[in-house]
Amino acid sequence: HLPTVSVFSEITVPISFPDMPDVFVKGVTGVLDWN
């Protein structure tokens, strides 16, 4: 009965992916509970 709420954000300084130096995290989504 309640929706899932999430916020997508771009990351200002890319984070390198572990064990894969050529792959970077460019964004992150945080899923929120109702609290």
Full PDB file with SEQRES, HELIX, SHEET, SSBOND, CRYST1, ORIGX, SCALE, CONECT and MASTER records, all heavy atoms in Angstrom:
SEQRES   1 A   35  HIS LEU PRO THR VAL SER VAL PHE SER GLU ILE THR VAL          
SEQRES   2 A   35  PRO ILE SER PHE PRO ASP MET PRO ASP VAL PHE VAL LYS          
SEQRES   3 A   35  GLY VAL THR GLY VAL LEU ASP TRP ASN                          
SHEET    1 AA1 2 VAL A   5  PHE A  17  0                                        
SHEET    2 AA1 2 MET A  20  LEU A  32 -1                                        
CRYST1    1.000    1.000    1.000  90.00  90.00  90.00 P 1           1          
ORIGX1      1.000000  0.000000  0.000000        0.00000                         
ORIGX2      0.000000  1.000000  0.000000        0.00000                         
ORIGX3      0.000000  0.000000  1.000000        0.00000                         
SCALE1      1.000000  0.000000  0.000000        0.00000                         
SCALE2      0.000000  1.000000  0.000000        0.00000                         
SCALE3      0.000000  0.000000  1.000000        0.00000                         
ATOM      1  N   HIS A   1       0.799  -1.225   0.000  1.00  0.00           N  
ATOM      2  CA  HIS A   1       0.000   0.000   0.000  1.00  0.00           C  
ATOM      3  C   HIS A   1       0.831   1.274   0.000  1.00  0.00           C  
ATOM      4  O   HIS A   1       0.311   2.346  -0.275  1.00  0.00           O  
ATOM      5  CB  HIS A   1      -0.996   0.001   1.164  1.00  0.00           C  
ATOM      6  CG  HIS A   1      -0.364   0.103   2.510  1.00  0.00           C  
ATOM      7  ND1 HIS A   1       0.247  -0.961   3.130  1.00  0.00           N  
ATOM      8  CD2 HIS A   1      -0.231   1.155   3.342  1.00  0.00           C  
ATOM      9  CE1 HIS A   1       0.726  -0.573   4.290  1.00  0.00           C  
ATOM     10  NE2 HIS A   1       0.453   0.711   4.445  1.00  0.00           N  
ATOM     11  N   LEU A   2       2.125   1.195   0.297  1.00  0.00           N  
ATOM     12  CA  LEU A   2       2.998   2.370   0.266  1.00  0.00           C  
ATOM     13  C   LEU A   2       4.049   2.199  -0.826  1.00  0.00           C  
ATOM     14  O   LEU A   2       4.570   1.102  -1.028  1.00  0.00           O  
ATOM     15  CB  LEU A   2       3.705   2.561   1.612  1.00  0.00           C  
ATOM     16  CG  LEU A   2       2.812   2.941   2.790  1.00  0.00           C  
ATOM     17  CD1 LEU A   2       3.632   2.987   4.075  1.00  0.00           C  
ATOM     18  CD2 LEU A   2       2.149   4.291   2.552  1.00  0.00           C  
ATOM     19  N   PRO A   3       4.392   3.262  -1.522  1.00  0.00           N  
ATOM     20  CA  PRO A   3       5.412   3.155  -2.567  1.00  0.00           C  
ATOM     21  C   PRO A   3       6.818   3.104  -1.983  1.00  0.00           C  
ATOM     22  O   PRO A   3       7.049   3.495  -0.839  1.00  0.00           O  
ATOM     23  CB  PRO A   3       5.216   4.437  -3.375  1.00  0.00           C  
ATOM     24  CG  PRO A   3       4.684   5.412  -2.384  1.00  0.00           C  
ATOM     25  CD  PRO A   3       3.825   4.607  -1.440  1.00  0.00           C  
ATOM     26  N   THR A   4       7.744   2.620  -2.787  1.00  0.00           N  
ATOM     27  CA  THR A   4       9.155   2.689  -2.457  1.00  0.00           C  
ATOM     28  C   THR A   4       9.648   4.059  -2.918  1.00  0.00           C  
ATOM     29  O   THR A   4       9.344   4.487  -4.033  1.00  0.00           O  
ATOM     30  CB  THR A   4       9.942   1.586  -3.189  1.00  0.00           C  
ATOM     31  OG1 THR A   4       9.413   0.325  -2.815  1.00  0.00           O  
ATOM     32  CG2 THR A   4      11.412   1.631  -2.852  1.00  0.00           C  
ATOM     33  N   VAL A   5      10.399   4.737  -2.061  1.00  0.00           N  
ATOM     34  CA  VAL A   5      10.904   6.072  -2.389  1.00  0.00           C  
ATOM     35  C   VAL A   5      12.423   5.996  -2.480  1.00  0.00           C  
ATOM     36  O   VAL A   5      13.079   5.459  -1.587  1.00  0.00           O  
ATOM     37  CB  VAL A   5      10.495   7.104  -1.315  1.00  0.00           C  
ATOM     38  CG1 VAL A   5      11.029   8.475  -1.664  1.00  0.00           C  
ATOM     39  CG2 VAL A   5       8.989   7.133  -1.156  1.00  0.00           C  
ATOM     40  N   SER A   6      12.965   6.521  -3.570  1.00  0.00           N  
ATOM     41  CA  SER A   6      14.413   6.534  -3.720  1.00  0.00           C  
ATOM     42  C   SER A   6      14.853   7.853  -4.335  1.00  0.00           C  
ATOM     43  O   SER A   6      14.066   8.542  -4.991  1.00  0.00           O  
ATOM     44  CB  SER A   6      14.890   5.351  -4.570  1.00  0.00           C  
ATOM     45  OG  SER A   6      14.286   5.360  -5.836  1.00  0.00           O  
ATOM     46  N   VAL A   7      16.112   8.179  -4.098  1.00  0.00           N  
ATOM     47  CA  VAL A   7      16.693   9.411  -4.640  1.00  0.00           C  
ATOM     48  C   VAL A   7      17.929   9.026  -5.434  1.00  0.00           C  
ATOM     49  O   VAL A   7      18.841   8.387  -4.901  1.00  0.00           O  
ATOM     50  CB  VAL A   7      17.063  10.409  -3.520  1.00  0.00           C  
ATOM     51  CG1 VAL A   7      17.733  11.652  -4.102  1.00  0.00           C  
ATOM     52  CG2 VAL A   7      15.837  10.784  -2.703  1.00  0.00           C  
ATOM     53  N   PHE A   8      17.940   9.392  -6.706  1.00  0.00           N  
ATOM     54  CA  PHE A   8      19.115   9.168  -7.542  1.00  0.00           C  
ATOM     55  C   PHE A   8      19.973  10.421  -7.510  1.00  0.00           C  
ATOM     56  O   PHE A   8      19.465  11.539  -7.678  1.00  0.00           O  
ATOM     57  CB  PHE A   8      18.723   8.854  -8.991  1.00  0.00           C  
ATOM     58  CG  PHE A   8      19.899   8.861  -9.925  1.00  0.00           C  
ATOM     59  CD1 PHE A   8      20.799   7.809  -9.933  1.00  0.00           C  
ATOM     60  CD2 PHE A   8      20.130   9.943 -10.760  1.00  0.00           C  
ATOM     61  CE1 PHE A   8      21.904   7.823 -10.778  1.00  0.00           C  
ATOM     62  CE2 PHE A   8      21.217   9.971 -11.604  1.00  0.00           C  
ATOM     63  CZ  PHE A   8      22.108   8.911 -11.615  1.00  0.00           C  
ATOM     64  N   SER A   9      21.282  10.228  -7.300  1.00  0.00           N  
ATOM     65  CA  SER A   9      22.217  11.345  -7.262  1.00  0.00           C  
ATOM     66  C   SER A   9      23.425  11.034  -8.126  1.00  0.00           C  
ATOM     67  O   SER A   9      23.881   9.886  -8.181  1.00  0.00           O  
ATOM     68  CB  SER A   9      22.716  11.594  -5.834  1.00  0.00           C  
ATOM     69  OG  SER A   9      21.658  11.902  -4.977  1.00  0.00           O  
ATOM     70  N   GLU A  10      23.915  12.061  -8.788  1.00  0.00           N  
ATOM     71  CA  GLU A  10      25.189  11.929  -9.481  1.00  0.00           C  
ATOM     72  C   GLU A  10      26.289  12.083  -8.445  1.00  0.00           C  
ATOM     73  O   GLU A  10      26.147  12.836  -7.484  1.00  0.00           O  
ATOM     74  CB  GLU A  10      25.325  13.001 -10.558  1.00  0.00           C  
ATOM     75  CG  GLU A  10      24.323  12.852 -11.678  1.00  0.00           C  
ATOM     76  CD  GLU A  10      24.354  14.015 -12.654  1.00  0.00           C  
ATOM     77  OE1 GLU A  10      25.031  15.043 -12.374  1.00  0.00           O  
ATOM     78  OE2 GLU A  10      23.685  13.912 -13.688  1.00  0.00           O  
ATOM     79  N   ILE A  11      27.384  11.373  -8.652  1.00  0.00           N  
ATOM     80  CA  ILE A  11      28.537  11.490  -7.756  1.00  0.00           C  
ATOM     81  C   ILE A  11      29.496  12.490  -8.391  1.00  0.00           C  
ATOM     82  O   ILE A  11      29.861  12.355  -9.566  1.00  0.00           O  
ATOM     83  CB  ILE A  11      29.199  10.126  -7.515  1.00  0.00           C  
ATOM     84  CG1 ILE A  11      28.215   9.235  -6.764  1.00  0.00           C  
ATOM     85  CG2 ILE A  11      30.505  10.279  -6.768  1.00  0.00           C  
ATOM     86  CD1 ILE A  11      28.748   7.880  -6.371  1.00  0.00           C  
ATOM     87  N   THR A  12      29.873  13.504  -7.627  1.00  0.00           N  
ATOM     88  CA  THR A  12      30.696  14.581  -8.177  1.00  0.00           C  
ATOM     89  C   THR A  12      32.125  14.130  -8.467  1.00  0.00           C  
ATOM     90  O   THR A  12      32.742  14.625  -9.403  1.00  0.00           O  
ATOM     91  CB  THR A  12      30.715  15.791  -7.221  1.00  0.00           C  
ATOM     92  OG1 THR A  12      31.177  15.360  -5.935  1.00  0.00           O  
ATOM     93  CG2 THR A  12      29.318  16.393  -7.098  1.00  0.00           C  
ATOM     94  N   VAL A  13      32.640  13.209  -7.668  1.00  0.00           N  
ATOM     95  CA  VAL A  13      33.973  12.643  -7.905  1.00  0.00           C  
ATOM     96  C   VAL A  13      33.783  11.138  -8.071  1.00  0.00           C  
ATOM     97  O   VAL A  13      33.438  10.456  -7.112  1.00  0.00           O  
ATOM     98  CB  VAL A  13      34.941  12.929  -6.732  1.00  0.00           C  
ATOM     99  CG1 VAL A  13      36.297  12.302  -6.992  1.00  0.00           C  
ATOM    100  CG2 VAL A  13      35.066  14.423  -6.501  1.00  0.00           C  
ATOM    101  N   PRO A  14      33.965  10.619  -9.296  1.00  0.00           N  
ATOM    102  CA  PRO A  14      33.699   9.193  -9.524  1.00  0.00           C  
ATOM    103  C   PRO A  14      34.514   8.289  -8.600  1.00  0.00           C  
ATOM    104  O   PRO A  14      35.661   8.572  -8.258  1.00  0.00           O  
ATOM    105  CB  PRO A  14      34.116   8.982 -10.980  1.00  0.00           C  
ATOM    106  CG  PRO A  14      34.023  10.337 -11.600  1.00  0.00           C  
ATOM    107  CD  PRO A  14      34.381  11.302 -10.502  1.00  0.00           C  
ATOM    108  N   ILE A  15      33.885   7.199  -8.198  1.00  0.00           N  
ATOM    109  CA  ILE A  15      34.520   6.203  -7.330  1.00  0.00           C  
ATOM    110  C   ILE A  15      34.891   5.015  -8.201  1.00  0.00           C  
ATOM    111  O   ILE A  15      34.069   4.521  -8.975  1.00  0.00           O  
ATOM    112  CB  ILE A  15      33.549   5.766  -6.216  1.00  0.00           C  
ATOM    113  CG1 ILE A  15      33.169   6.966  -5.359  1.00  0.00           C  
ATOM    114  CG2 ILE A  15      34.136   4.646  -5.390  1.00  0.00           C  
ATOM    115  CD1 ILE A  15      32.051   6.672  -4.375  1.00  0.00           C  
ATOM    116  N   SER A  16      36.143   4.533  -8.072  1.00  0.00           N  
ATOM    117  CA  SER A  16      36.559   3.389  -8.885  1.00  0.00           C  
ATOM    118  C   SER A  16      35.928   2.111  -8.347  1.00  0.00           C  
ATOM    119  O   SER A  16      35.752   1.924  -7.146  1.00  0.00           O  
ATOM    120  CB  SER A  16      38.079   3.261  -8.917  1.00  0.00           C  
ATOM    121  OG  SER A  16      38.568   3.031  -7.625  1.00  0.00           O  
ATOM    122  N   PHE A  17      35.579   1.256  -9.274  1.00  0.00           N  
ATOM    123  CA  PHE A  17      34.977  -0.027  -8.955  1.00  0.00           C  
ATOM    124  C   PHE A  17      36.076  -0.955  -8.458  1.00  0.00           C  
ATOM    125  O   PHE A  17      37.133  -1.037  -9.075  1.00  0.00           O  
ATOM    126  CB  PHE A  17      34.330  -0.594 -10.229  1.00  0.00           C  
ATOM    127  CG  PHE A  17      33.356  -1.697  -9.999  1.00  0.00           C  
ATOM    128  CD1 PHE A  17      32.032  -1.423  -9.736  1.00  0.00           C  
ATOM    129  CD2 PHE A  17      33.764  -3.016 -10.059  1.00  0.00           C  
ATOM    130  CE1 PHE A  17      31.118  -2.440  -9.549  1.00  0.00           C  
ATOM    131  CE2 PHE A  17      32.870  -4.042  -9.861  1.00  0.00           C  
ATOM    132  CZ  PHE A  17      31.534  -3.751  -9.602  1.00  0.00           C  
ATOM    133  N   PRO A  18      35.871  -1.664  -7.338  1.00  0.00           N  
ATOM    134  CA  PRO A  18      36.925  -2.556  -6.834  1.00  0.00           C  
ATOM    135  C   PRO A  18      37.310  -3.608  -7.877  1.00  0.00           C  
ATOM    136  O   PRO A  18      36.454  -4.176  -8.542  1.00  0.00           O  
ATOM    137  CB  PRO A  18      36.285  -3.222  -5.617  1.00  0.00           C  
ATOM    138  CG  PRO A  18      35.162  -2.333  -5.230  1.00  0.00           C  
ATOM    139  CD  PRO A  18      34.696  -1.666  -6.493  1.00  0.00           C  
ATOM    140  N   ASP A  19      38.590  -3.845  -8.002  1.00  0.00           N  
ATOM    141  CA  ASP A  19      39.161  -4.859  -8.907  1.00  0.00           C  
ATOM    142  C   ASP A  19      38.943  -4.547 -10.387  1.00  0.00           C  
ATOM    143  O   ASP A  19      39.255  -5.375 -11.240  1.00  0.00           O  
ATOM    144  CB  ASP A  19      38.605  -6.258  -8.604  1.00  0.00           C  
ATOM    145  CG  ASP A  19      38.876  -6.687  -7.163  1.00  0.00           C  
ATOM    146  OD1 ASP A  19      39.944  -6.312  -6.625  1.00  0.00           O  
ATOM    147  OD2 ASP A  19      38.023  -7.380  -6.593  1.00  0.00           O  
ATOM    148  N   MET A  20      38.384  -3.403 -10.712  1.00  0.00           N  
ATOM    149  CA  MET A  20      38.181  -2.996 -12.108  1.00  0.00           C  
ATOM    150  C   MET A  20      38.499  -1.508 -12.217  1.00  0.00           C  
ATOM    151  O   MET A  20      37.601  -0.673 -12.165  1.00  0.00           O  
ATOM    152  CB  MET A  20      36.750  -3.288 -12.557  1.00  0.00           C  
ATOM    153  CG  MET A  20      36.371  -4.749 -12.481  1.00  0.00           C  
ATOM    154  SD  MET A  20      34.655  -5.021 -12.927  1.00  0.00           S  
ATOM    155  CE  MET A  20      34.847  -5.329 -14.668  1.00  0.00           C  
ATOM    156  N   PRO A  21      39.768  -1.148 -12.364  1.00  0.00           N  
ATOM    157  CA  PRO A  21      40.155   0.265 -12.315  1.00  0.00           C  
ATOM    158  C   PRO A  21      39.597   1.126 -13.448  1.00  0.00           C  
ATOM    159  O   PRO A  21      39.564   2.347 -13.325  1.00  0.00           O  
ATOM    160  CB  PRO A  21      41.684   0.210 -12.372  1.00  0.00           C  
ATOM    161  CG  PRO A  21      42.013  -1.116 -12.947  1.00  0.00           C  
ATOM    162  CD  PRO A  21      40.896  -2.036 -12.588  1.00  0.00           C  
ATOM    163  N   ASP A  22      39.144   0.521 -14.535  1.00  0.00           N  
ATOM    164  CA  ASP A  22      38.603   1.303 -15.653  1.00  0.00           C  
ATOM    165  C   ASP A  22      37.098   1.545 -15.546  1.00  0.00           C  
ATOM    166  O   ASP A  22      36.512   2.201 -16.395  1.00  0.00           O  
ATOM    167  CB  ASP A  22      38.888   0.592 -16.976  1.00  0.00           C  
ATOM    168  CG  ASP A  22      40.379   0.527 -17.278  1.00  0.00           C  
ATOM    169  OD1 ASP A  22      41.132   1.350 -16.724  1.00  0.00           O  
ATOM    170  OD2 ASP A  22      40.781  -0.341 -18.076  1.00  0.00           O  
ATOM    171  N   VAL A  23      36.467   1.005 -14.498  1.00  0.00           N  
ATOM    172  CA  VAL A  23      35.030   1.162 -14.304  1.00  0.00           C  
ATOM    173  C   VAL A  23      34.805   2.076 -13.105  1.00  0.00           C  
ATOM    174  O   VAL A  23      35.396   1.880 -12.047  1.00  0.00           O  
ATOM    175  CB  VAL A  23      34.344  -0.206 -14.072  1.00  0.00           C  
ATOM    176  CG1 VAL A  23      32.862  -0.032 -13.824  1.00  0.00           C  
ATOM    177  CG2 VAL A  23      34.594  -1.127 -15.257  1.00  0.00           C  
ATOM    178  N   PHE A  24      33.951   3.080 -13.289  1.00  0.00           N  
ATOM    179  CA  PHE A  24      33.709   4.051 -12.226  1.00  0.00           C  
ATOM    180  C   PHE A  24      32.223   4.132 -11.893  1.00  0.00           C  
ATOM    181  O   PHE A  24      31.366   3.990 -12.763  1.00  0.00           O  
ATOM    182  CB  PHE A  24      34.188   5.447 -12.646  1.00  0.00           C  
ATOM    183  CG  PHE A  24      35.669   5.546 -12.807  1.00  0.00           C  
ATOM    184  CD1 PHE A  24      36.253   5.367 -14.052  1.00  0.00           C  
ATOM    185  CD2 PHE A  24      36.466   5.807 -11.709  1.00  0.00           C  
ATOM    186  CE1 PHE A  24      37.621   5.455 -14.198  1.00  0.00           C  
ATOM    187  CE2 PHE A  24      37.843   5.901 -11.845  1.00  0.00           C  
ATOM    188  CZ  PHE A  24      38.423   5.715 -13.098  1.00  0.00           C  
ATOM    189  N   VAL A  25      31.959   4.391 -10.623  1.00  0.00           N  
ATOM    190  CA  VAL A  25      30.592   4.655 -10.177  1.00  0.00           C  
ATOM    191  C   VAL A  25      30.329   6.126 -10.455  1.00  0.00           C  
ATOM    192  O   VAL A  25      31.034   6.999  -9.962  1.00  0.00           O  
ATOM    193  CB  VAL A  25      30.420   4.332  -8.674  1.00  0.00           C  
ATOM    194  CG1 VAL A  25      29.025   4.708  -8.210  1.00  0.00           C  
ATOM    195  CG2 VAL A  25      30.708   2.867  -8.399  1.00  0.00           C  
ATOM    196  N   LYS A  26      29.308   6.388 -11.275  1.00  0.00           N  
ATOM    197  CA  LYS A  26      28.967   7.752 -11.660  1.00  0.00           C  
ATOM    198  C   LYS A  26      27.750   8.289 -10.910  1.00  0.00           C  
ATOM    199  O   LYS A  26      27.504   9.482 -10.882  1.00  0.00           O  
ATOM    200  CB  LYS A  26      28.673   7.822 -13.159  1.00  0.00           C  
ATOM    201  CG  LYS A  26      29.851   7.488 -14.021  1.00  0.00           C  
ATOM    202  CD  LYS A  26      30.800   8.638 -14.040  1.00  0.00           C  
ATOM    203  CE  LYS A  26      31.840   8.424 -15.125  1.00  0.00           C  
ATOM    204  NZ  LYS A  26      32.549   9.629 -15.461  1.00  0.00           N  
ATOM    205  N   GLY A  27      26.958   7.374 -10.319  1.00  0.00           N  
ATOM    206  CA  GLY A  27      25.761   7.782  -9.606  1.00  0.00           C  
ATOM    207  C   GLY A  27      25.388   6.750  -8.568  1.00  0.00           C  
ATOM    208  O   GLY A  27      25.890   5.617  -8.579  1.00  0.00           O  
ATOM    209  N   VAL A  28      24.515   7.150  -7.654  1.00  0.00           N  
ATOM    210  CA  VAL A  28      24.052   6.240  -6.610  1.00  0.00           C  
ATOM    211  C   VAL A  28      22.584   6.537  -6.321  1.00  0.00           C  
ATOM    212  O   VAL A  28      22.153   7.688  -6.376  1.00  0.00           O  
ATOM    213  CB  VAL A  28      24.918   6.360  -5.329  1.00  0.00           C  
ATOM    214  CG1 VAL A  28      24.813   7.738  -4.716  1.00  0.00           C  
ATOM    215  CG2 VAL A  28      24.583   5.284  -4.327  1.00  0.00           C  
ATOM    216  N   THR A  29      21.845   5.476  -6.071  1.00  0.00           N  
ATOM    217  CA  THR A  29      20.457   5.618  -5.660  1.00  0.00           C  
ATOM    218  C   THR A  29      20.341   5.144  -4.227  1.00  0.00           C  
ATOM    219  O   THR A  29      20.797   4.047  -3.898  1.00  0.00           O  
ATOM    220  CB  THR A  29      19.521   4.777  -6.562  1.00  0.00           C  
ATOM    221  OG1 THR A  29      19.580   5.312  -7.883  1.00  0.00           O  
ATOM    222  CG2 THR A  29      18.090   4.828  -6.070  1.00  0.00           C  
ATOM    223  N   GLY A  30      19.766   5.968  -3.388  1.00  0.00           N  
ATOM    224  CA  GLY A  30      19.484   5.590  -2.007  1.00  0.00           C  
ATOM    225  C   GLY A  30      18.001   5.313  -1.867  1.00  0.00           C  
ATOM    226  O   GLY A  30      17.169   6.159  -2.202  1.00  0.00           O  
ATOM    227  N   VAL A  31      17.659   4.105  -1.426  1.00  0.00           N  
ATOM    228  CA  VAL A  31      16.263   3.726  -1.216  1.00  0.00           C  
ATOM    229  C   VAL A  31      15.922   4.012   0.235  1.00  0.00           C  
ATOM    230  O   VAL A  31      16.627   3.559   1.146  1.00  0.00           O  
ATOM    231  CB  VAL A  31      16.038   2.233  -1.550  1.00  0.00           C  
ATOM    232  CG1 VAL A  31      14.588   1.846  -1.317  1.00  0.00           C  
ATOM    233  CG2 VAL A  31      16.452   1.948  -2.992  1.00  0.00           C  
ATOM    234  N   LEU A  32      14.847   4.763   0.448  1.00  0.00           N  
ATOM    235  CA  LEU A  32      14.460   5.192   1.792  1.00  0.00           C  
ATOM    236  C   LEU A  32      13.280   4.383   2.311  1.00  0.00           C  
ATOM    237  O   LEU A  32      12.385   4.015   1.549  1.00  0.00           O  
ATOM    238  CB  LEU A  32      14.044   6.669   1.775  1.00  0.00           C  
ATOM    239  CG  LEU A  32      15.114   7.678   1.358  1.00  0.00           C  
ATOM    240  CD1 LEU A  32      14.487   9.019   1.052  1.00  0.00           C  
ATOM    241  CD2 LEU A  32      16.142   7.813   2.450  1.00  0.00           C  
ATOM    242  N   ASP A  33      13.293   4.131   3.635  1.00  0.00           N  
ATOM    243  CA  ASP A  33      12.088   3.582   4.254  1.00  0.00           C  
ATOM    244  C   ASP A  33      11.240   4.763   4.715  1.00  0.00           C  
ATOM    245  O   ASP A  33      11.621   5.922   4.572  1.00  0.00           O  
ATOM    246  CB  ASP A  33      12.422   2.613   5.394  1.00  0.00           C  
ATOM    247  CG  ASP A  33      13.089   3.277   6.598  1.00  0.00           C  
ATOM    248  OD1 ASP A  33      13.135   4.526   6.684  1.00  0.00           O  
ATOM    249  OD2 ASP A  33      13.567   2.538   7.471  1.00  0.00           O  
ATOM    250  N   TRP A  34      10.063   4.461   5.274  1.00  0.00           N  
ATOM    251  CA  TRP A  34       9.145   5.548   5.634  1.00  0.00           C  
ATOM    252  C   TRP A  34       9.535   6.265   6.914  1.00  0.00           C  
ATOM    253  O   TRP A  34       8.890   7.225   7.318  1.00  0.00           O  
ATOM    254  CB  TRP A  34       7.706   5.029   5.683  1.00  0.00           C  
ATOM    255  CG  TRP A  34       7.240   4.859   4.282  1.00  0.00           C  
ATOM    256  CD1 TRP A  34       7.318   3.721   3.524  1.00  0.00           C  
ATOM    257  CD2 TRP A  34       6.740   5.872   3.422  1.00  0.00           C  
ATOM    258  NE1 TRP A  34       6.867   3.972   2.249  1.00  0.00           N  
ATOM    259  CE2 TRP A  34       6.498   5.285   2.159  1.00  0.00           C  
ATOM    260  CE3 TRP A  34       6.456   7.217   3.595  1.00  0.00           C  
ATOM    261  CZ2 TRP A  34       5.993   6.002   1.089  1.00  0.00           C  
ATOM    262  CZ3 TRP A  34       5.945   7.922   2.515  1.00  0.00           C  
ATOM    263  CH2 TRP A  34       5.718   7.316   1.286  1.00  0.00           C  
ATOM    264  N   ASN A  35      10.637   5.827   7.565  1.00  0.00           N  
ATOM    265  CA  ASN A  35      11.182   6.545   8.714  1.00  0.00           C  
ATOM    266  C   ASN A  35      12.335   7.459   8.304  1.00  0.00           C  
ATOM    267  O   ASN A  35      12.959   8.086   9.145  1.00  0.00           O  
ATOM    268  CB  ASN A  35      11.649   5.559   9.784  1.00  0.00           C  
ATOM    269  CG  ASN A  35      10.494   4.791  10.373  1.00  0.00           C  
ATOM    270  OD1 ASN A  35       9.449   5.379  10.671  1.00  0.00           O  
ATOM    271  ND2 ASN A  35      10.641   3.495  10.531  1.00  0.00           N  
TER     272      ASN A  35                                                      
MASTER        0    0    0    0    2    0    0    6  271    1    0    3          
END                                                                             
